Amino acid sequence: MPTAWPPAPFDVAHRHMDEWNAWYVGNADELANLYGNTVPRTRPSQYRGGLVGAVSRFFWGRPAPAAARPSRLHVPLASDIATASADLLFAEPPRITVNGTATQDRLNKILHSPLVHSGLLESAEVAAALGGVYLRVVWDADLAAHPMIDAVHADAAVPEWRWSQLAAVTFWSVVAEDGNTVWRHLERHEPGRIVHSLHVGSTTELGVARDLRDHPATAWVADVADDAGAIATGTRRLTAAYVPNVRPSREWRGKPGLSPLGRSDYDTVEPLFDAIDEVFSSWMRDIRLAKARLIVPTGYLDNNGPGQGASFDDDRELFTEINAMSRGDSGPEITLSQFAIRVAEHRETVDELVRAALRSSGYSPATFGDQDGDTSITATEVTSRERSSNRTRSKKSLYWQAGLSTITAALLDVDRTHFGGPGIGDEQSVVSFPERSQPDPEALARTAEALYRAEAASTEVRVRMVHPDWGEPEVTAEVARIRSEAGAVEPDPAEILRQTAAEQ
């Protein structure tokens, strides 16, 4: 019996991801094709006739009149939300620590680089759109002298769960496509090994297995894998991890196989995205209709010749009087036609829809630059206005902490086996995210001054308070400069405690 691909029940999940991806990409033609398709996807009522179908049908699903010019405008709010989610999490890279100096130095060499940090930003953006992202360990001695972390999008994976935890996963990619014939490379991650296979099928079926050497994209695997296409990883850990965007997934909460998947930031927000596009399109239509137009009598038109029609020269200063029937005593008139643009009505509607969409996605309007016209606000006020975004960031960071900790341990195991690294043993790394909101310098200065006058904190404590991002060398040097400028001869209390502890 042919194997459907993706297999059930993940075919349902992938259809949802197709919809979220359409909003994320923001291509107007793709949105029109998605919602104008006659094949039901997730909203059966959209395809019914009568009032129910008319009410539930998306703006992007309405057929456009053939004679009408393209007039639908897409507002990329969905992609802005995904970008904001990634910025909230990884605008500043997290700190990953392990026990052991040698292991920590090796981990820093592998992970603390602009390439890894930018990769995390990309992964978080896709996770916000598709509901999650997978991280896997890869290694290529010709490319780097250490293993690397690679991201796989959620719509290119078939996971297997055990107690809602990832037990195995099959990543797949299309390596060739010719009409209805599709070549797929499957990469199954299991504890201790990675199994590769090549299949030739159709757009909806996996098809038959082929030798890995039958395609250049997988020929390299045959040189390093065993007869079953498996490559030993050198670790009992799974060399892949799943990072959900947010849980639970409302629609899949009670569906086996799908319930552990994450929830997209767009989940249930698609109608609001659609309404925003409809209002903006209406706004643009008002602008087009409000262009000034002149309605002139036929006699004011210049004949352009047989078959060329007639035209009106609006720069002409003198017109010859013509004999024409007129109403009353008035002669032929030129009428100006220019409709009003309903700016306030459209703007207020869009603002309310955008706020509703952001609220449903878990973000504050202030995160997107909406400060209600007030630009002179303090850091404390910014934090207050971005409370929803900060809560969302805190929730998402917990999933990223778990995912990065898991994949980091597998990474160090692979590094020990294939590159001679120190390894990590049975421990787990600790992942910490920096504070997003920077304290107000003026408020910190007042606090430090109050602590100094109350003799409640040493110079070192005050320096660390004002400069929380400084390391030990910077703090020590700054304390020495402050004491030198102040002409202090008495040792700092913190220094006395440190020396006493060292002597003991």
Protein backbone atom coordinates (compact mmCIF):
# COMPACT_ATOMS: atom_id res chain seq x y z
CA MET A 1 0.00 0.00 0.00
CA PRO A 2 1.48 3.40 -0.94
CA THR A 3 2.69 5.53 1.96
CA ALA A 4 1.09 8.97 2.04
CA TRP A 5 3.49 11.84 2.64
CA PRO A 6 3.43 13.50 5.01
CA PRO A 7 1.84 10.63 6.93
CA ALA A 8 -1.27 11.01 9.05
CA PRO A 9 -1.93 12.82 11.31
CA PHE A 10 0.86 15.21 10.32
CA ASP A 11 -0.81 15.92 6.99
CA VAL A 12 -3.35 17.94 8.98
CA ALA A 13 -0.61 19.84 10.77
CA HIS A 14 1.17 20.58 7.52
CA ARG A 15 -1.98 22.04 5.98
CA HIS A 16 -2.19 24.45 8.90
CA MET A 17 1.49 25.28 8.47
CA ASP A 18 0.86 25.98 4.79
CA GLU A 19 -1.72 28.56 5.82
CA TRP A 20 0.57 30.15 8.43
CA ASN A 21 3.42 30.16 5.94
CA ALA A 22 1.27 32.01 3.41
CA TRP A 23 0.71 34.82 5.93
CA TYR A 24 4.37 34.77 6.94
CA VAL A 25 5.59 35.05 3.34
CA GLY A 26 2.92 37.63 2.56
CA ASN A 27 2.58 36.91 -1.14
CA ALA A 28 -0.78 38.24 -2.33
CA ASP A 29 -1.10 35.65 -5.10
CA GLU A 30 -0.42 32.82 -2.66
CA LEU A 31 -3.02 34.13 -0.21
CA ALA A 32 -5.60 34.45 -2.97
CA ASN A 33 -4.84 30.94 -4.16
CA LEU A 34 -4.95 29.54 -0.61
CA TYR A 35 -8.35 30.97 0.34
CA GLY A 36 -9.82 30.96 -3.15
CA ASN A 37 -9.13 27.27 -3.63
CA THR A 38 -12.29 25.23 -3.97
CA VAL A 39 -10.83 22.38 -1.89
CA PRO A 40 -11.82 22.78 1.78
CA ARG A 41 -8.89 23.20 4.17
CA THR A 42 -9.66 24.25 7.71
CA ARG A 43 -12.91 26.17 7.43
CA PRO A 44 -15.61 24.04 5.75
CA SER A 45 -18.24 26.78 6.22
CA GLN A 46 -16.26 29.00 3.87
CA TYR A 47 -17.30 26.80 0.98
CA ARG A 48 -21.01 26.63 1.75
CA GLY A 49 -23.53 28.60 -0.18
CA GLY A 50 -25.94 31.18 1.13
CA LEU A 51 -25.44 33.48 4.10
CA VAL A 52 -23.12 31.16 6.04
CA GLY A 53 -20.68 30.89 3.15
CA ALA A 54 -20.78 34.63 2.43
CA VAL A 55 -20.08 35.58 6.04
CA SER A 56 -17.30 33.06 6.64
CA ARG A 57 -15.49 33.57 3.33
CA PHE A 58 -12.15 35.35 3.66
CA PHE A 59 -11.47 38.63 1.87
CA TRP A 60 -8.58 36.94 0.08
CA GLY A 61 -10.87 34.13 -1.02
CA ARG A 62 -13.37 36.29 -2.88
CA PRO A 63 -13.09 36.01 -6.66
CA ALA A 64 -11.86 39.22 -8.23
CA PRO A 65 -13.80 40.52 -11.24
CA ALA A 66 -11.90 39.83 -14.43
CA ALA A 67 -12.20 43.43 -15.65
CA ALA A 68 -11.15 44.98 -12.35
CA ARG A 69 -7.61 46.19 -11.83
CA PRO A 70 -5.61 44.61 -8.98
CA SER A 71 -6.74 46.48 -5.89
CA ARG A 72 -5.98 44.20 -2.95
CA LEU A 73 -3.25 45.34 -0.60
CA HIS A 74 -1.49 43.05 1.85
CA VAL A 75 -0.17 44.46 5.13
CA PRO A 76 2.81 42.34 6.34
CA LEU A 77 1.77 42.36 9.99
CA ALA A 78 2.23 38.59 10.29
CA SER A 79 5.87 38.74 9.21
CA ASP A 80 6.42 41.72 11.53
CA ILE A 81 5.12 39.64 14.44
CA ALA A 82 7.51 36.79 13.64
CA THR A 83 10.45 39.18 13.40
CA ALA A 84 9.52 40.87 16.67
CA SER A 85 9.32 37.48 18.40
CA ALA A 86 12.85 36.62 17.28
CA ASP A 87 14.16 40.04 18.29
CA LEU A 88 12.64 39.75 21.75
CA LEU A 89 14.38 36.42 22.31
CA PHE A 90 17.73 36.72 20.56
CA ALA A 91 18.49 40.39 19.97
CA GLU A 92 21.11 39.67 22.64
CA PRO A 93 22.44 36.08 22.62
CA PRO A 94 21.77 33.82 25.61
CA ARG A 95 24.53 32.57 27.88
CA ILE A 96 25.12 28.81 27.91
CA THR A 97 27.27 27.48 30.75
CA VAL A 98 28.54 24.03 31.72
CA ASN A 99 30.70 22.66 34.51
CA GLY A 100 34.40 22.38 33.81
CA THR A 101 36.68 25.05 32.41
CA ALA A 102 37.84 22.97 29.44
CA THR A 103 34.28 22.10 28.46
CA GLN A 104 33.14 25.70 28.82
CA ASP A 105 36.01 26.97 26.67
CA ARG A 106 35.21 24.41 23.99
CA LEU A 107 31.51 25.30 24.09
CA ASN A 108 32.32 28.99 23.77
CA LYS A 109 34.46 28.28 20.73
CA ILE A 110 31.64 26.35 19.06
CA LEU A 111 28.61 28.47 19.92
CA HIS A 112 29.73 32.02 20.65
CA SER A 113 29.96 33.30 17.10
CA PRO A 114 27.90 35.66 14.90
CA LEU A 115 26.98 32.71 12.67
CA VAL A 116 25.35 30.80 15.54
CA HIS A 117 23.64 33.86 16.97
CA SER A 118 22.15 34.83 13.60
CA GLY A 119 21.03 31.22 13.15
CA LEU A 120 19.11 31.40 16.43
CA LEU A 121 17.40 34.59 15.27
CA GLU A 122 16.31 32.90 12.05
CA SER A 123 15.11 29.82 13.93
CA ALA A 124 13.04 31.84 16.38
CA GLU A 125 11.39 33.80 13.58
CA VAL A 126 10.31 30.65 11.75
CA ALA A 127 9.18 29.07 15.02
CA ALA A 128 6.86 32.00 15.69
CA ALA A 129 5.25 31.51 12.28
CA LEU A 130 5.02 27.71 12.08
CA GLY A 131 4.55 26.89 15.76
CA GLY A 132 8.01 25.47 16.44
CA VAL A 133 11.41 24.60 15.04
CA TYR A 134 13.79 21.64 15.26
CA LEU A 135 17.49 21.85 16.10
CA ARG A 136 19.86 19.09 15.00
CA VAL A 137 23.56 18.36 15.40
CA VAL A 138 25.54 18.16 12.16
CA TRP A 139 29.25 17.81 11.52
CA ASP A 140 31.53 18.14 8.51
CA ALA A 141 35.28 18.08 9.11
CA ASP A 142 35.87 19.78 5.76
CA LEU A 143 33.75 22.73 6.87
CA ALA A 144 34.53 23.12 10.59
CA ALA A 145 36.68 21.42 13.21
CA HIS A 146 33.67 20.95 15.48
CA PRO A 147 30.01 19.94 15.24
CA MET A 148 27.38 22.56 14.49
CA ILE A 149 23.74 23.25 15.27
CA ASP A 150 21.40 23.38 12.29
CA ALA A 151 17.73 24.38 12.23
CA VAL A 152 14.99 22.43 10.45
CA HIS A 153 11.61 24.05 9.89
CA ALA A 154 8.55 22.40 11.40
CA ASP A 155 6.97 21.71 8.01
CA ALA A 156 9.88 19.45 7.02
CA ALA A 157 9.74 16.98 9.92
CA VAL A 158 7.70 14.04 11.17
CA PRO A 159 8.24 13.64 14.94
CA GLU A 160 7.69 10.74 17.32
CA TRP A 161 6.84 11.49 20.95
CA ARG A 162 7.15 9.78 24.28
CA TRP A 163 5.44 11.50 27.20
CA SER A 164 5.28 14.66 25.08
CA GLN A 165 9.05 14.58 24.66
CA LEU A 166 10.77 14.08 21.33
CA ALA A 167 11.87 10.42 21.07
CA ALA A 168 12.77 10.35 17.35
CA VAL A 169 12.22 12.52 14.30
CA THR A 170 12.43 12.15 10.53
CA PHE A 171 13.56 15.18 8.59
CA TRP A 172 12.86 15.23 4.89
CA SER A 173 13.82 17.38 1.95
CA VAL A 174 13.00 17.33 -1.75
CA VAL A 175 16.24 16.82 -3.67
CA ALA A 176 14.70 16.63 -7.15
CA GLU A 177 11.31 17.19 -8.75
CA ASP A 178 10.23 16.42 -12.29
CA GLY A 179 6.54 16.97 -12.90
CA ASN A 180 4.71 14.65 -10.51
CA THR A 181 7.87 12.66 -9.70
CA VAL A 182 9.49 13.71 -6.42
CA TRP A 183 12.80 12.51 -4.97
CA ARG A 184 12.95 12.82 -1.17
CA HIS A 185 15.86 12.45 1.21
CA LEU A 186 14.78 11.19 4.64
CA GLU A 187 17.03 11.64 7.67
CA ARG A 188 15.78 9.84 10.77
CA HIS A 189 17.36 10.79 14.12
CA GLU A 190 17.28 8.08 16.78
CA PRO A 191 19.25 7.83 20.03
CA GLY A 192 22.75 6.77 19.00
CA ARG A 193 22.37 6.97 15.22
CA ILE A 194 21.07 8.83 12.17
CA VAL A 195 19.47 6.76 9.39
CA HIS A 196 19.40 8.10 5.82
CA SER A 197 17.20 6.90 2.95
CA LEU A 198 16.24 8.01 -0.54
CA HIS A 199 12.71 7.63 -1.94
CA VAL A 200 11.11 8.32 -5.32
CA GLY A 201 7.38 9.02 -5.26
CA SER A 202 4.83 11.71 -6.04
CA THR A 203 3.75 14.96 -4.46
CA THR A 204 1.47 13.06 -2.09
CA GLU A 205 3.19 9.66 -1.75
CA LEU A 206 6.60 8.69 -0.41
CA GLY A 207 7.17 6.08 -3.10
CA VAL A 208 9.81 3.37 -3.32
CA ALA A 209 13.22 3.32 -1.68
CA ARG A 210 16.27 3.81 -3.88
CA ASP A 211 19.98 3.36 -3.36
CA LEU A 212 21.60 6.40 -1.79
CA ARG A 213 24.07 6.55 -4.70
CA ASP A 214 21.24 7.08 -7.18
CA HIS A 215 21.26 10.82 -6.52
CA PRO A 216 24.21 13.20 -5.99
CA ALA A 217 22.53 14.84 -2.98
CA THR A 218 22.72 11.58 -0.98
CA ALA A 219 25.70 9.81 -2.56
CA TRP A 220 28.01 11.07 0.19
CA VAL A 221 25.99 9.15 2.82
CA ALA A 222 26.83 5.81 1.18
CA ASP A 223 30.53 6.41 1.86
CA VAL A 224 30.14 6.93 5.62
CA ALA A 225 27.02 4.93 6.55
CA ASP A 226 26.56 1.21 7.15
CA ASP A 227 24.48 -1.12 4.98
CA ALA A 228 21.28 0.19 6.59
CA GLY A 229 22.19 3.80 5.82
CA ALA A 230 22.89 4.54 9.50
CA ILE A 231 25.64 6.76 10.90
CA ALA A 232 26.67 6.30 14.54
CA THR A 233 26.58 9.55 16.48
CA GLY A 234 28.67 8.46 19.46
CA THR A 235 26.07 9.53 22.01
CA ARG A 236 23.09 7.89 23.60
CA ARG A 237 21.31 11.22 23.38
CA LEU A 238 19.05 12.18 20.53
CA THR A 239 20.91 14.49 18.15
CA ALA A 240 17.78 16.56 17.57
CA ALA A 241 15.54 18.72 19.73
CA TYR A 242 12.16 20.34 19.25
CA VAL A 243 11.52 23.89 20.44
CA PRO A 244 7.79 24.71 20.48
CA ASN A 245 6.83 28.33 20.02
CA VAL A 246 4.10 28.25 22.69
CA ARG A 247 2.02 25.48 24.17
CA PRO A 248 -0.62 24.20 24.31
CA SER A 249 -1.84 24.06 20.74
CA ARG A 250 -5.52 24.80 21.16
CA GLU A 251 -6.86 22.93 18.14
CA TRP A 252 -4.61 19.87 18.54
CA ARG A 253 -4.84 19.66 22.33
CA GLY A 254 -6.64 16.31 22.30
CA LYS A 255 -5.19 14.79 19.12
CA PRO A 256 -2.56 12.05 19.55
CA GLY A 257 0.67 12.84 17.77
CA LEU A 258 -0.21 16.50 17.31
CA SER A 259 -0.79 17.70 20.87
CA PRO A 260 2.95 18.14 21.70
CA LEU A 261 3.38 20.49 18.74
CA GLY A 262 3.66 24.19 19.42
CA ARG A 263 1.16 26.92 18.63
CA SER A 264 1.84 29.54 15.99
CA ASP A 265 1.57 33.22 16.85
CA TYR A 266 -0.95 33.36 14.01
CA ASP A 267 -3.24 30.68 15.42
CA THR A 268 -6.86 32.02 15.32
CA VAL A 269 -5.51 35.46 14.30
CA GLU A 270 -5.83 34.82 10.55
CA PRO A 271 -9.30 36.44 10.30
CA LEU A 272 -7.89 39.63 11.83
CA PHE A 273 -5.00 39.65 9.34
CA ASP A 274 -7.56 39.23 6.58
CA ALA A 275 -9.72 42.06 7.93
CA ILE A 276 -6.73 44.40 8.14
CA ASP A 277 -5.94 43.72 4.49
CA GLU A 278 -9.57 44.37 3.57
CA VAL A 279 -9.65 47.73 5.36
CA PHE A 280 -6.34 48.84 3.87
CA SER A 281 -7.55 47.82 0.42
CA SER A 282 -10.72 49.84 0.98
CA TRP A 283 -8.58 52.79 2.08
CA MET A 284 -6.51 52.57 -1.09
CA ARG A 285 -9.71 52.29 -3.13
CA ASP A 286 -10.93 55.56 -1.61
CA ILE A 287 -7.67 57.20 -2.69
CA ARG A 288 -8.04 55.93 -6.24
CA LEU A 289 -11.67 57.03 -6.48
CA ALA A 290 -10.88 60.43 -4.97
CA LYS A 291 -8.56 61.42 -7.77
CA ALA A 292 -9.80 64.67 -9.34
CA ARG A 293 -11.76 64.10 -12.53
CA LEU A 294 -13.41 66.55 -14.95
CA ILE A 295 -16.77 65.93 -16.54
CA VAL A 296 -16.95 68.06 -19.69
CA PRO A 297 -19.55 68.48 -22.44
CA THR A 298 -18.96 66.57 -25.62
CA GLY A 299 -18.38 69.80 -27.52
CA TYR A 300 -15.26 70.56 -25.43
CA LEU A 301 -13.54 67.43 -26.67
CA ASP A 302 -11.07 67.53 -29.54
CA ASN A 303 -11.68 64.97 -32.24
CA ASN A 304 -8.50 62.91 -32.71
CA GLY A 305 -9.50 61.53 -36.10
CA PRO A 306 -11.41 58.51 -37.36
CA GLY A 307 -11.09 55.62 -34.93
CA GLN A 308 -8.92 57.70 -32.51
CA GLY A 309 -11.68 58.96 -30.25
CA ALA A 310 -11.68 62.37 -28.59
CA SER A 311 -9.69 64.04 -25.79
CA PHE A 312 -9.82 67.08 -23.54
CA ASP A 313 -6.82 69.40 -23.07
CA ASP A 314 -6.96 70.65 -19.48
CA ASP A 315 -4.16 73.20 -20.23
CA ARG A 316 -6.15 74.92 -22.97
CA GLU A 317 -7.15 78.50 -22.06
CA LEU A 318 -9.63 79.34 -24.79
CA PHE A 319 -12.63 77.33 -25.90
CA THR A 320 -14.92 78.23 -28.81
CA GLU A 321 -18.54 78.65 -27.86
CA ILE A 322 -20.66 75.86 -29.17
CA ASN A 323 -24.33 75.52 -29.84
CA ALA A 324 -25.72 73.11 -27.31
CA MET A 325 -28.90 72.61 -25.46
CA SER A 326 -28.58 73.79 -21.92
CA ARG A 327 -30.67 73.84 -18.82
CA GLY A 328 -32.21 77.23 -18.28
CA ASP A 329 -29.88 80.16 -18.96
CA SER A 330 -26.70 78.33 -18.12
CA GLY A 331 -24.37 77.17 -20.88
CA PRO A 332 -22.25 74.06 -21.10
CA GLU A 333 -20.39 73.49 -17.81
CA ILE A 334 -17.22 71.69 -16.73
CA THR A 335 -17.90 69.71 -13.56
CA LEU A 336 -15.21 68.69 -11.07
CA SER A 337 -15.66 65.25 -9.54
CA GLN A 338 -13.55 64.47 -6.45
CA PHE A 339 -14.75 62.25 -3.61
CA ALA A 340 -13.66 62.56 -0.01
CA ILE A 341 -11.15 60.10 1.47
CA ARG A 342 -12.37 58.54 4.71
CA VAL A 343 -8.98 58.74 6.40
CA ALA A 344 -10.09 58.88 10.03
CA GLU A 345 -12.58 56.02 9.72
CA HIS A 346 -10.08 53.72 8.01
CA ARG A 347 -7.23 54.59 10.35
CA GLU A 348 -9.28 54.01 13.49
CA THR A 349 -10.54 50.69 12.15
CA VAL A 350 -7.04 49.54 11.21
CA ASP A 351 -5.61 50.62 14.57
CA GLU A 352 -8.24 48.65 16.46
CA LEU A 353 -7.78 45.56 14.30
CA VAL A 354 -3.99 45.71 14.66
CA ARG A 355 -4.27 46.04 18.43
CA ALA A 356 -6.65 43.08 18.54
CA ALA A 357 -4.27 40.99 16.39
CA LEU A 358 -1.27 41.87 18.56
CA ARG A 359 -3.22 41.20 21.73
CA SER A 360 -4.26 37.76 20.47
CA SER A 361 -0.66 37.01 19.47
CA GLY A 362 0.63 38.03 22.91
CA TYR A 363 2.38 41.30 22.09
CA SER A 364 2.13 44.93 23.11
CA PRO A 365 1.65 47.68 20.50
CA ALA A 366 4.63 49.48 22.06
CA THR A 367 6.89 46.66 20.84
CA PHE A 368 6.05 47.75 17.30
CA GLY A 369 6.78 51.42 17.93
CA ASP A 370 3.31 52.51 19.00
CA GLN A 371 3.88 54.80 21.99
CA ASP A 372 0.52 56.61 21.63
CA GLY A 373 2.37 59.69 20.41
CA ASP A 374 4.58 59.96 23.51
CA THR A 375 8.27 59.66 22.62
CA SER A 376 9.74 61.05 25.85
CA ILE A 377 9.15 58.10 28.15
CA THR A 378 11.48 56.43 30.62
CA ALA A 379 12.71 52.86 30.57
CA THR A 380 10.33 52.05 33.42
CA GLU A 381 7.40 53.31 31.38
CA VAL A 382 8.59 51.30 28.36
CA THR A 383 8.66 48.16 30.49
CA SER A 384 5.13 48.87 31.72
CA ARG A 385 3.80 49.43 28.21
CA GLU A 386 5.47 46.29 26.89
CA ARG A 387 4.21 44.05 29.69
CA SER A 388 2.41 41.64 27.31
CA SER A 389 5.48 41.27 25.10
CA ASN A 390 7.71 40.66 28.10
CA ARG A 391 5.39 37.95 29.40
CA THR A 392 5.37 36.29 25.99
CA ARG A 393 9.16 36.48 25.83
CA SER A 394 9.45 34.89 29.29
CA LYS A 395 7.20 32.00 28.27
CA LYS A 396 9.00 31.37 25.01
CA SER A 397 12.43 31.56 26.63
CA LEU A 398 11.54 28.59 28.85
CA TYR A 399 11.04 26.39 25.78
CA TRP A 400 14.26 27.68 24.24
CA GLN A 401 16.17 27.04 27.45
CA ALA A 402 15.02 23.42 27.45
CA GLY A 403 15.73 22.92 23.74
CA LEU A 404 19.16 24.57 23.76
CA SER A 405 20.18 22.68 26.89
CA THR A 406 19.23 19.35 25.28
CA ILE A 407 20.90 19.98 21.93
CA THR A 408 24.04 21.42 23.58
CA ALA A 409 24.60 18.21 25.55
CA ALA A 410 24.28 16.13 22.37
CA LEU A 411 26.59 18.57 20.58
CA LEU A 412 29.34 18.11 23.16
CA ASP A 413 28.96 14.33 23.03
CA VAL A 414 29.39 14.35 19.25
CA ASP A 415 32.33 16.71 19.63
CA ARG A 416 34.01 14.29 22.02
CA THR A 417 33.49 11.31 19.70
CA HIS A 418 34.38 12.85 16.35
CA PHE A 419 36.66 15.77 17.25
CA GLY A 420 38.30 14.77 20.55
CA GLY A 421 36.56 17.37 22.69
CA PRO A 422 36.24 17.11 26.50
CA GLY A 423 32.53 16.16 26.41
CA ILE A 424 29.93 16.86 29.08
CA GLY A 425 29.12 13.49 30.64
CA ASP A 426 25.67 13.08 32.15
CA GLU A 427 25.26 16.77 32.95
CA GLN A 428 23.12 19.36 31.22
CA SER A 429 24.09 22.88 30.27
CA VAL A 430 22.41 25.90 31.83
CA VAL A 431 20.88 28.44 29.45
CA SER A 432 20.09 31.96 30.68
CA PHE A 433 18.59 34.85 28.73
CA PRO A 434 19.67 38.43 29.48
CA GLU A 435 17.21 40.97 30.77
CA ARG A 436 15.45 42.64 27.88
CA SER A 437 14.77 46.02 29.47
CA GLN A 438 17.77 48.17 30.29
CA PRO A 439 17.42 50.12 33.57
CA ASP A 440 17.16 53.89 33.42
CA PRO A 441 20.72 55.28 34.04
CA GLU A 442 19.33 58.22 35.99
CA ALA A 443 17.33 55.92 38.29
CA LEU A 444 20.37 53.70 38.81
CA ALA A 445 22.53 56.72 39.65
CA ARG A 446 20.01 57.87 42.29
CA THR A 447 19.88 54.38 43.78
CA ALA A 448 23.68 54.11 43.90
CA GLU A 449 23.94 57.53 45.54
CA ALA A 450 21.35 56.59 48.17
CA LEU A 451 23.22 53.36 48.96
CA TYR A 452 26.49 55.28 49.27
CA ARG A 453 25.02 57.85 51.67
CA ALA A 454 23.42 55.11 53.74
CA GLU A 455 26.72 53.17 53.75
CA ALA A 456 24.69 50.14 52.66
CA ALA A 457 26.80 49.01 49.67
CA SER A 458 30.47 48.94 48.75
CA THR A 459 31.98 50.60 45.70
CA GLU A 460 32.11 47.25 43.91
CA VAL A 461 28.43 46.55 44.52
CA ARG A 462 27.48 49.98 43.21
CA VAL A 463 29.62 49.55 40.11
CA ARG A 464 28.06 46.16 39.38
CA MET A 465 24.61 47.70 39.85
CA VAL A 466 25.23 50.51 37.37
CA HIS A 467 27.03 48.24 34.88
CA PRO A 468 25.32 44.81 35.10
CA ASP A 469 26.85 43.71 31.77
CA TRP A 470 30.45 44.14 32.92
CA GLY A 471 32.69 41.23 33.76
CA GLU A 472 35.12 40.85 36.66
CA PRO A 473 38.10 42.64 34.98
CA GLU A 474 36.03 45.71 34.02
CA VAL A 475 34.46 45.97 37.50
CA THR A 476 37.82 45.64 39.28
CA ALA A 477 39.42 48.29 37.06
CA GLU A 478 36.52 50.71 37.53
CA VAL A 479 36.57 50.27 41.33
CA ALA A 480 40.31 51.03 41.34
CA ARG A 481 39.79 54.19 39.25
CA ILE A 482 36.99 55.44 41.51
CA ARG A 483 39.05 54.92 44.64
CA SER A 484 42.06 56.58 43.03
CA GLU A 485 40.09 59.65 41.92
CA ALA A 486 38.47 59.94 45.35
CA GLY A 487 41.88 59.70 47.06
CA ALA A 488 40.70 56.81 49.17
CA VAL A 489 43.30 55.25 51.42
CA GLU A 490 41.03 52.84 53.25
CA PRO A 491 40.57 49.46 51.56
CA ASP A 492 37.21 48.63 50.14
CA PRO A 493 35.07 46.42 52.47
CA ALA A 494 34.53 43.91 49.70
CA GLU A 495 38.26 43.69 49.13
CA ILE A 496 38.84 43.05 52.84
CA LEU A 497 36.37 40.16 52.80
CA ARG A 498 37.96 38.73 49.67
CA GLN A 499 41.46 38.86 51.14
CA THR A 500 40.29 37.33 54.41
CA ALA A 501 38.67 34.44 52.58
CA ALA A 502 41.82 33.89 50.52
CA GLU A 503 44.02 33.78 53.62
CA GLN A 504 41.78 31.22 55.26
